[in-house]
Amino acid sequence: MDSKKSFGKKLEHFIAGKGFYIALALCAAIIGVSVWSLLRGAETMTPDNEDTVGTALSEAVPTPALPPAETPALADPTPAMAERDDAAEPEDETTPEEAEDAPAAETAAEQIYVWPVDGDPIRPYSVEALLYDQTMSDWRTHDGVDLAAEVGTKVSAMTSGTVTAVYYDDRYGTTVIIDHGNGLICTYANLEELPTVYVGDAVSAGDTIGSVGATAACESAQESHLHVSAACNGVTVSPLAYLPQKN
C-alpha cells in the first residue's frame, strides 16, 4: 500500500510540474486534427467531384423539353424568275453580216455629195491669190465658190447634215449654214429671202434648202449665182474638193 501511495504522489508531482506542457501538447493535437479534417474536406471538392455532383443534379432534375423551332417557309422563286424573264430585253437579232454592213452603209451615205446647183463656177475659191472684185472694184481673196444659176433655181444640200443657222447677212444676203458632220460646215448664201429650212432641220444630200436670189450686196455686180463656202475643222477649204466631177 505504501508503494501505491508513493507512485500516486510521484504522478501528482509529475503532472503538477509538467501540466503546462501537457496542455500545450493537447492543444497542438487538437489543432492538428482540425487541420487534417479541413484538408480532407477540401479534397472532396475537386473538379471531378464537382462534375459528378453536376451530373447527378442534371440527372435528378429533368430539363423541360422545348417545342421544335418553326422553320419559315421559303418563297417560291419561280414567279420572280418569270417576271425577270418577261422584263428581259429582246435579244438583238442582227446577224454578224448585217452588223458589218451597217457601218459601211453609214460611211457610204456620208460620202454622197451632190452639186447644190448645176451651174459652173464663175468665180473660184482663192484665199492665197487676190481676185478682182467687180462689185467692190478692188482685189481681194474669195473664201467660197460662185456657181452660175438663175434666180429662183432650187438649191440643194451638198450632203446630209443639220441646219445650224438661217439668217440675213449684210454682205451675202440670205444665208443657210449646215453642219455636215466630220468637221465640215457649209454656208449657202445669196438665197431668196425665204429659205425652205429652219434651224434644227435634218437634211440629206439633194434636199432643197432654198432658191437662188439676188440678196448678196457684195456680189451684186456679178451675174446671177449661188455663193457656197466651206470650212473643215475651222479652216476654210474649197467646196469643189467635196463635189463629184462633172462629165
C-alpha atoms as a PDB file:
ATOM      1  CA  MET A   1       0.000   0.000   0.000  1.00  0.00           C
ATOM      2  CA  ASP A   2       2.865   2.311   0.749  1.00  0.00           C
ATOM      3  CA  SER A   3       4.286   1.713  -2.713  1.00  0.00           C
ATOM      4  CA  LYS A   4       0.970   2.586  -4.372  1.00  0.00           C
ATOM      5  CA  LYS A   5       0.705   5.775  -2.368  1.00  0.00           C
ATOM      6  CA  SER A   6       4.286   6.645  -3.246  1.00  0.00           C
ATOM      7  CA  PHE A   7       3.535   6.131  -7.032  1.00  0.00           C
ATOM      8  CA  GLY A   8       0.427   8.273  -6.824  1.00  0.00           C
ATOM      9  CA  LYS A   9       2.306  11.097  -5.145  1.00  0.00           C
ATOM     10  CA  LYS A  10       5.043  10.898  -7.751  1.00  0.00           C
ATOM     11  CA  LEU A  11       2.420  11.065 -10.536  1.00  0.00           C
ATOM     12  CA  GLU A  12       0.801  14.077  -8.945  1.00  0.00           C
ATOM     13  CA  HIS A  13       4.159  15.783  -8.648  1.00  0.00           C
ATOM     14  CA  PHE A  14       4.942  14.977 -12.304  1.00  0.00           C
ATOM     15  CA  ILE A  15       1.614  16.293 -13.534  1.00  0.00           C
ATOM     16  CA  ALA A  16       1.916  19.365 -11.383  1.00  0.00           C
ATOM     17  CA  GLY A  17       5.372  20.071 -12.757  1.00  0.00           C
ATOM     18  CA  LYS A  18       4.588  19.218 -16.408  1.00  0.00           C
ATOM     19  CA  GLY A  19       0.949  20.373 -16.584  1.00  0.00           C
ATOM     20  CA  PHE A  20       1.691  23.336 -18.846  1.00  0.00           C
ATOM     21  CA  TYR A  21       3.464  21.182 -21.358  1.00  0.00           C
ATOM     22  CA  ILE A  22       0.746  18.562 -21.354  1.00  0.00           C
ATOM     23  CA  ALA A  23      -1.900  21.227 -22.028  1.00  0.00           C
ATOM     24  CA  LEU A  24       0.222  22.634 -24.845  1.00  0.00           C
ATOM     25  CA  ALA A  25       0.603  19.191 -26.415  1.00  0.00           C
ATOM     26  CA  LEU A  26      -3.124  18.563 -26.206  1.00  0.00           C
ATOM     27  CA  CYS A  27      -3.823  21.920 -27.900  1.00  0.00           C
ATOM     28  CA  ALA A  28      -1.335  21.065 -30.673  1.00  0.00           C
ATOM     29  CA  ALA A  29      -3.001  17.705 -31.139  1.00  0.00           C
ATOM     30  CA  ILE A  30      -6.433  19.303 -31.367  1.00  0.00           C
ATOM     31  CA  ILE A  31      -5.159  21.856 -33.932  1.00  0.00           C
ATOM     32  CA  GLY A  32      -3.565  19.067 -35.975  1.00  0.00           C
ATOM     33  CA  VAL A  33      -6.784  17.099 -36.019  1.00  0.00           C
ATOM     34  CA  SER A  34      -8.694  20.208 -37.139  1.00  0.00           C
ATOM     35  CA  VAL A  35      -6.236  20.928 -39.968  1.00  0.00           C
ATOM     36  CA  TRP A  36      -6.399  17.311 -41.108  1.00  0.00           C
ATOM     37  CA  SER A  37     -10.169  17.467 -41.161  1.00  0.00           C
ATOM     38  CA  LEU A  38     -10.138  20.669 -43.267  1.00  0.00           C
ATOM     39  CA  LEU A  39      -7.708  19.155 -45.779  1.00  0.00           C
ATOM     40  CA  ARG A  40      -9.848  16.079 -46.169  1.00  0.00           C
ATOM     41  CA  GLY A  41     -12.883  18.243 -46.764  1.00  0.00           C
ATOM     42  CA  ALA A  42     -11.065  20.240 -49.455  1.00  0.00           C
ATOM     43  CA  GLU A  43     -10.053  17.083 -51.289  1.00  0.00           C
ATOM     44  CA  THR A  44     -13.671  16.057 -51.615  1.00  0.00           C
ATOM     45  CA  MET A  45     -14.449  19.294 -53.538  1.00  0.00           C
ATOM     46  CA  THR A  46     -12.206  18.589 -56.554  1.00  0.00           C
ATOM     47  CA  PRO A  47     -13.302  19.378 -60.156  1.00  0.00           C
ATOM     48  CA  ASP A  48     -14.070  15.710 -60.694  1.00  0.00           C
ATOM     49  CA  ASN A  49     -16.379  15.758 -57.729  1.00  0.00           C
ATOM     50  CA  GLU A  50     -17.994  18.949 -58.991  1.00  0.00           C
ATOM     51  CA  ASP A  51     -18.651  17.328 -62.370  1.00  0.00           C
ATOM     52  CA  THR A  52     -20.047  14.299 -60.632  1.00  0.00           C
ATOM     53  CA  VAL A  53     -22.288  16.445 -58.484  1.00  0.00           C
ATOM     54  CA  GLY A  54     -23.430  18.480 -61.511  1.00  0.00           C
ATOM     55  CA  THR A  55     -24.154  15.306 -63.458  1.00  0.00           C
ATOM     56  CA  ALA A  56     -26.085  13.896 -60.573  1.00  0.00           C
ATOM     57  CA  LEU A  57     -28.111  17.063 -60.284  1.00  0.00           C
ATOM     58  CA  SER A  58     -28.816  17.201 -64.011  1.00  0.00           C
ATOM     59  CA  GLU A  59     -29.969  13.600 -63.939  1.00  0.00           C
ATOM     60  CA  ALA A  60     -32.030  14.169 -60.839  1.00  0.00           C
ATOM     61  CA  VAL A  61     -33.805  17.309 -62.247  1.00  0.00           C
ATOM     62  CA  PRO A  62     -35.019  16.671 -65.838  1.00  0.00           C
ATOM     63  CA  THR A  63     -34.799  19.611 -68.262  1.00  0.00           C
ATOM     64  CA  PRO A  64     -38.173  20.508 -69.764  1.00  0.00           C
ATOM     65  CA  ALA A  65     -38.299  19.753 -73.490  1.00  0.00           C
ATOM     66  CA  LEU A  66     -38.610  22.822 -75.737  1.00  0.00           C
ATOM     67  CA  PRO A  67     -41.003  22.758 -78.694  1.00  0.00           C
ATOM     68  CA  PRO A  68     -39.225  22.413 -82.073  1.00  0.00           C
ATOM     69  CA  ALA A  69     -38.449  25.747 -83.758  1.00  0.00           C
ATOM     70  CA  GLU A  70     -40.615  26.520 -86.722  1.00  0.00           C
ATOM     71  CA  THR A  71     -38.654  26.965 -89.951  1.00  0.00           C
ATOM     72  CA  PRO A  72     -40.119  29.762 -92.107  1.00  0.00           C
ATOM     73  CA  ALA A  73     -41.245  28.594 -95.473  1.00  0.00           C
ATOM     74  CA  LEU A  74     -39.050  29.804 -98.337  1.00  0.00           C
ATOM     75  CA  ALA A  75     -40.767  31.821-101.025  1.00  0.00           C
ATOM     76  CA  ASP A  76     -41.095  30.111-104.352  1.00  0.00           C
ATOM     77  CA  PRO A  77     -38.505  31.745-106.649  1.00  0.00           C
ATOM     78  CA  THR A  78     -40.321  30.681-109.801  1.00  0.00           C
ATOM     79  CA  PRO A  79     -42.659  33.757-110.059  1.00  0.00           C
ATOM     80  CA  ALA A  80     -39.764  36.183-109.586  1.00  0.00           C
ATOM     81  CA  MET A  81     -37.751  34.432-112.259  1.00  0.00           C
ATOM     82  CA  ALA A  82     -40.722  34.558-114.556  1.00  0.00           C
ATOM     83  CA  GLU A  83     -41.065  38.283-114.022  1.00  0.00           C
ATOM     84  CA  ARG A  84     -37.396  38.833-114.784  1.00  0.00           C
ATOM     85  CA  ASP A  85     -37.648  36.730-117.902  1.00  0.00           C
ATOM     86  CA  ASP A  86     -40.675  38.725-119.050  1.00  0.00           C
ATOM     87  CA  ALA A  87     -38.890  42.027-118.356  1.00  0.00           C
ATOM     88  CA  ALA A  88     -35.696  40.959-120.127  1.00  0.00           C
ATOM     89  CA  GLU A  89     -34.916  42.914-123.246  1.00  0.00           C
ATOM     90  CA  PRO A  90     -35.308  41.010-126.505  1.00  0.00           C
ATOM     91  CA  GLU A  91     -32.111  39.720-127.971  1.00  0.00           C
ATOM     92  CA  ASP A  92     -30.584  41.591-130.842  1.00  0.00           C
ATOM     93  CA  GLU A  93     -31.480  39.628-133.936  1.00  0.00           C
ATOM     94  CA  THR A  94     -28.934  41.452-136.084  1.00  0.00           C
ATOM     95  CA  THR A  95     -26.682  38.971-137.846  1.00  0.00           C
ATOM     96  CA  PRO A  96     -22.882  39.491-137.891  1.00  0.00           C
ATOM     97  CA  GLU A  97     -23.064  40.199-141.623  1.00  0.00           C
ATOM     98  CA  GLU A  98     -25.677  42.940-141.063  1.00  0.00           C
ATOM     99  CA  ALA A  99     -23.614  44.404-138.214  1.00  0.00           C
ATOM    100  CA  GLU A 100     -20.616  44.653-140.530  1.00  0.00           C
ATOM    101  CA  ASP A 101     -22.642  46.145-143.359  1.00  0.00           C
ATOM    102  CA  ALA A 102     -24.252  48.847-141.169  1.00  0.00           C
ATOM    103  CA  PRO A 103     -21.096  50.963-140.625  1.00  0.00           C
ATOM    104  CA  ALA A 104     -20.227  50.549-144.294  1.00  0.00           C
ATOM    105  CA  ALA A 105     -23.681  51.809-145.308  1.00  0.00           C
ATOM    106  CA  GLU A 106     -23.369  54.800-142.985  1.00  0.00           C
ATOM    107  CA  THR A 107     -19.933  55.593-144.371  1.00  0.00           C
ATOM    108  CA  ALA A 108     -21.247  55.347-147.922  1.00  0.00           C
ATOM    109  CA  ALA A 109     -24.129  57.669-147.066  1.00  0.00           C
ATOM    110  CA  GLU A 110     -21.719  60.200-145.582  1.00  0.00           C
ATOM    111  CA  GLN A 111     -19.659  60.102-148.767  1.00  0.00           C
ATOM    112  CA  ILE A 112     -22.563  61.039-151.032  1.00  0.00           C
ATOM    113  CA  TYR A 113     -22.119  64.595-152.276  1.00  0.00           C
ATOM    114  CA  VAL A 114     -24.132  66.451-154.919  1.00  0.00           C
ATOM    115  CA  TRP A 115     -23.781  69.810-156.569  1.00  0.00           C
ATOM    116  CA  PRO A 116     -26.069  72.392-154.906  1.00  0.00           C
ATOM    117  CA  VAL A 117     -26.895  73.772-158.364  1.00  0.00           C
ATOM    118  CA  ASP A 118     -25.947  72.569-161.843  1.00  0.00           C
ATOM    119  CA  GLY A 119     -24.160  75.781-162.903  1.00  0.00           C
ATOM    120  CA  ASP A 120     -20.397  76.002-163.444  1.00  0.00           C
ATOM    121  CA  PRO A 121     -18.100  78.112-161.245  1.00  0.00           C
ATOM    122  CA  ILE A 122     -17.886  81.734-162.402  1.00  0.00           C
ATOM    123  CA  ARG A 123     -15.615  82.837-159.588  1.00  0.00           C
ATOM    124  CA  PRO A 124     -13.259  80.320-157.976  1.00  0.00           C
ATOM    125  CA  TYR A 125     -12.122  79.723-154.398  1.00  0.00           C
ATOM    126  CA  SER A 126      -8.965  81.760-153.691  1.00  0.00           C
ATOM    127  CA  VAL A 127      -7.520  82.609-150.277  1.00  0.00           C
ATOM    128  CA  GLU A 128      -3.841  82.907-151.275  1.00  0.00           C
ATOM    129  CA  ALA A 129      -4.113  84.850-154.544  1.00  0.00           C
ATOM    130  CA  LEU A 130      -6.148  88.055-154.906  1.00  0.00           C
ATOM    131  CA  LEU A 131      -9.059  88.170-157.333  1.00  0.00           C
ATOM    132  CA  TYR A 132     -10.572  91.246-158.890  1.00  0.00           C
ATOM    133  CA  ASP A 133     -13.970  92.043-157.370  1.00  0.00           C
ATOM    134  CA  GLN A 134     -16.279  93.666-159.916  1.00  0.00           C
ATOM    135  CA  THR A 135     -18.707  94.892-157.290  1.00  0.00           C
ATOM    136  CA  MET A 136     -16.090  96.488-154.984  1.00  0.00           C
ATOM    137  CA  SER A 137     -13.737  97.384-157.852  1.00  0.00           C
ATOM    138  CA  ASP A 138     -10.697  96.065-155.966  1.00  0.00           C
ATOM    139  CA  TRP A 139      -8.548  92.965-155.492  1.00  0.00           C
ATOM    140  CA  ARG A 140      -9.362  90.627-152.616  1.00  0.00           C
ATOM    141  CA  THR A 141      -9.495  86.997-151.565  1.00  0.00           C
ATOM    142  CA  HIS A 142     -12.564  84.821-152.107  1.00  0.00           C
ATOM    143  CA  ASP A 143     -13.331  82.156-149.473  1.00  0.00           C
ATOM    144  CA  GLY A 144     -16.053  80.419-151.491  1.00  0.00           C
ATOM    145  CA  VAL A 145     -17.160  79.433-154.960  1.00  0.00           C
ATOM    146  CA  ASP A 146     -19.783  81.261-157.042  1.00  0.00           C
ATOM    147  CA  LEU A 147     -21.844  78.836-159.138  1.00  0.00           C
ATOM    148  CA  ALA A 148     -23.846  80.223-162.030  1.00  0.00           C
ATOM    149  CA  ALA A 149     -27.618  79.828-161.541  1.00  0.00           C
ATOM    150  CA  GLU A 150     -30.683  81.794-162.431  1.00  0.00           C
ATOM    151  CA  VAL A 151     -32.747  83.463-159.702  1.00  0.00           C
ATOM    152  CA  GLY A 152     -35.307  81.004-158.410  1.00  0.00           C
ATOM    153  CA  THR A 153     -33.171  77.920-159.078  1.00  0.00           C
ATOM    154  CA  LYS A 154     -33.568  75.280-156.378  1.00  0.00           C
ATOM    155  CA  VAL A 155     -30.580  74.958-154.085  1.00  0.00           C
ATOM    156  CA  SER A 156     -29.753  71.506-152.686  1.00  0.00           C
ATOM    157  CA  ALA A 157     -27.756  70.434-149.639  1.00  0.00           C
ATOM    158  CA  MET A 158     -24.367  69.139-150.727  1.00  0.00           C
ATOM    159  CA  THR A 159     -24.654  66.182-148.356  1.00  0.00           C
ATOM    160  CA  SER A 160     -26.562  65.137-145.250  1.00  0.00           C
ATOM    161  CA  GLY A 161     -26.382  67.295-142.135  1.00  0.00           C
ATOM    162  CA  THR A 162     -28.228  69.542-139.715  1.00  0.00           C
ATOM    163  CA  VAL A 163     -29.225  73.157-140.273  1.00  0.00           C
ATOM    164  CA  THR A 164     -27.500  75.249-137.616  1.00  0.00           C
ATOM    165  CA  ALA A 165     -28.307  78.795-138.774  1.00  0.00           C
ATOM    166  CA  VAL A 166     -30.719  80.708-141.046  1.00  0.00           C
ATOM    167  CA  TYR A 167     -30.213  84.474-141.161  1.00  0.00           C
ATOM    168  CA  TYR A 168     -29.735  87.559-143.325  1.00  0.00           C
ATOM    169  CA  ASP A 169     -26.154  88.787-143.780  1.00  0.00           C
ATOM    170  CA  ASP A 170     -25.497  92.416-144.760  1.00  0.00           C
ATOM    171  CA  ARG A 171     -22.884  91.347-147.308  1.00  0.00           C
ATOM    172  CA  TYR A 172     -24.023  87.932-148.556  1.00  0.00           C
ATOM    173  CA  GLY A 173     -27.779  88.264-148.091  1.00  0.00           C
ATOM    174  CA  THR A 174     -29.999  85.357-147.029  1.00  0.00           C
ATOM    175  CA  THR A 175     -27.759  82.609-145.667  1.00  0.00           C
ATOM    176  CA  VAL A 176     -28.191  78.988-144.548  1.00  0.00           C
ATOM    177  CA  ILE A 177     -25.452  77.160-142.646  1.00  0.00           C
ATOM    178  CA  ILE A 178     -25.434  73.355-142.447  1.00  0.00           C
ATOM    179  CA  ASP A 179     -23.221  71.186-140.280  1.00  0.00           C
ATOM    180  CA  HIS A 180     -22.465  68.166-142.457  1.00  0.00           C
ATOM    181  CA  GLY A 181     -20.544  66.280-139.794  1.00  0.00           C
ATOM    182  CA  ASN A 182     -16.915  65.180-139.634  1.00  0.00           C
ATOM    183  CA  GLY A 183     -15.938  68.817-139.081  1.00  0.00           C
ATOM    184  CA  LEU A 184     -17.410  70.033-142.397  1.00  0.00           C
ATOM    185  CA  ILE A 185     -19.645  73.124-142.283  1.00  0.00           C
ATOM    186  CA  CYS A 186     -21.004  74.689-145.457  1.00  0.00           C
ATOM    187  CA  THR A 187     -22.524  78.136-145.982  1.00  0.00           C
ATOM    188  CA  TYR A 188     -25.079  78.707-148.740  1.00  0.00           C
ATOM    189  CA  ALA A 189     -25.552  82.429-149.478  1.00  0.00           C
ATOM    190  CA  ASN A 190     -27.226  84.837-151.897  1.00  0.00           C
ATOM    191  CA  LEU A 191     -30.505  82.947-151.443  1.00  0.00           C
ATOM    192  CA  GLU A 192     -34.013  84.259-151.800  1.00  0.00           C
ATOM    193  CA  GLU A 193     -35.449  85.900-148.723  1.00  0.00           C
ATOM    194  CA  LEU A 194     -37.436  82.879-147.521  1.00  0.00           C
ATOM    195  CA  PRO A 195     -35.424  79.610-147.329  1.00  0.00           C
ATOM    196  CA  THR A 196     -37.320  76.329-147.054  1.00  0.00           C
ATOM    197  CA  VAL A 197     -35.492  75.019-143.965  1.00  0.00           C
ATOM    198  CA  TYR A 198     -35.301  76.014-140.323  1.00  0.00           C
ATOM    199  CA  VAL A 199     -32.684  75.697-137.607  1.00  0.00           C
ATOM    200  CA  GLY A 200     -32.554  72.115-136.356  1.00  0.00           C
ATOM    201  CA  ASP A 201     -33.825  70.542-139.577  1.00  0.00           C
ATOM    202  CA  ALA A 202     -32.038  67.380-140.681  1.00  0.00           C
ATOM    203  CA  VAL A 203     -31.322  67.229-144.400  1.00  0.00           C
ATOM    204  CA  SER A 204     -29.952  64.636-146.784  1.00  0.00           C
ATOM    205  CA  ALA A 205     -27.841  65.052-149.878  1.00  0.00           C
ATOM    206  CA  GLY A 206     -30.001  66.682-152.583  1.00  0.00           C
ATOM    207  CA  ASP A 207     -32.711  68.053-150.263  1.00  0.00           C
ATOM    208  CA  THR A 208     -33.909  71.535-151.204  1.00  0.00           C
ATOM    209  CA  ILE A 209     -32.911  74.221-148.721  1.00  0.00           C
ATOM    210  CA  GLY A 210     -33.980  77.333-150.673  1.00  0.00           C
ATOM    211  CA  SER A 211     -33.660  79.090-154.008  1.00  0.00           C
ATOM    212  CA  VAL A 212     -31.070  81.311-155.673  1.00  0.00           C
ATOM    213  CA  GLY A 213     -31.772  85.005-155.039  1.00  0.00           C
ATOM    214  CA  ALA A 214     -30.146  88.402-155.512  1.00  0.00           C
ATOM    215  CA  THR A 215     -29.569  89.354-151.873  1.00  0.00           C
ATOM    216  CA  ALA A 216     -25.736  89.414-151.711  1.00  0.00           C
ATOM    217  CA  ALA A 217     -24.867  93.114-151.826  1.00  0.00           C
ATOM    218  CA  CYS A 218     -21.106  92.481-152.024  1.00  0.00           C
ATOM    219  CA  GLU A 219     -21.529  90.438-155.237  1.00  0.00           C
ATOM    220  CA  SER A 220     -24.376  92.294-156.885  1.00  0.00           C
ATOM    221  CA  ALA A 221     -22.338  93.248-159.971  1.00  0.00           C
ATOM    222  CA  GLN A 222     -21.865  89.603-160.935  1.00  0.00           C
ATOM    223  CA  GLU A 223     -24.253  87.502-162.936  1.00  0.00           C
ATOM    224  CA  SER A 224     -26.859  85.540-161.014  1.00  0.00           C
ATOM    225  CA  HIS A 225     -25.241  82.835-158.897  1.00  0.00           C
ATOM    226  CA  LEU A 226     -25.124  80.840-155.648  1.00  0.00           C
ATOM    227  CA  HIS A 227     -22.285  81.596-153.247  1.00  0.00           C
ATOM    228  CA  VAL A 228     -21.059  78.460-151.411  1.00  0.00           C
ATOM    229  CA  SER A 229     -18.211  78.376-148.889  1.00  0.00           C
ATOM    230  CA  ALA A 230     -16.920  75.547-146.677  1.00  0.00           C
ATOM    231  CA  ALA A 231     -14.757  75.057-143.604  1.00  0.00           C
ATOM    232  CA  CYS A 232     -13.337  71.829-142.232  1.00  0.00           C
ATOM    233  CA  ASN A 233     -12.444  71.855-138.534  1.00  0.00           C
ATOM    234  CA  GLY A 234     -12.473  75.645-138.611  1.00  0.00           C
ATOM    235  CA  VAL A 235     -10.194  76.011-141.668  1.00  0.00           C
ATOM    236  CA  THR A 236     -11.654  77.306-144.924  1.00  0.00           C
ATOM    237  CA  VAL A 237     -11.500  74.865-147.836  1.00  0.00           C
ATOM    238  CA  SER A 238     -12.806  74.787-151.378  1.00  0.00           C
ATOM    239  CA  PRO A 239     -16.304  73.268-151.663  1.00  0.00           C
ATOM    240  CA  LEU A 240     -15.226  71.814-155.021  1.00  0.00           C
ATOM    241  CA  ALA A 241     -12.931  69.382-153.110  1.00  0.00           C
ATOM    242  CA  TYR A 242     -16.072  67.571-151.942  1.00  0.00           C
ATOM    243  CA  LEU A 243     -18.156  67.698-155.122  1.00  0.00           C
ATOM    244  CA  PRO A 244     -18.069  64.997-157.800  1.00  0.00           C
ATOM    245  CA  GLN A 245     -16.523  65.864-161.139  1.00  0.00           C
ATOM    246  CA  LYS A 246     -18.945  66.707-163.885  1.00  0.00           C
ATOM    247  CA  ASN A 247     -18.925  64.679-167.094  1.00  0.00           C
END
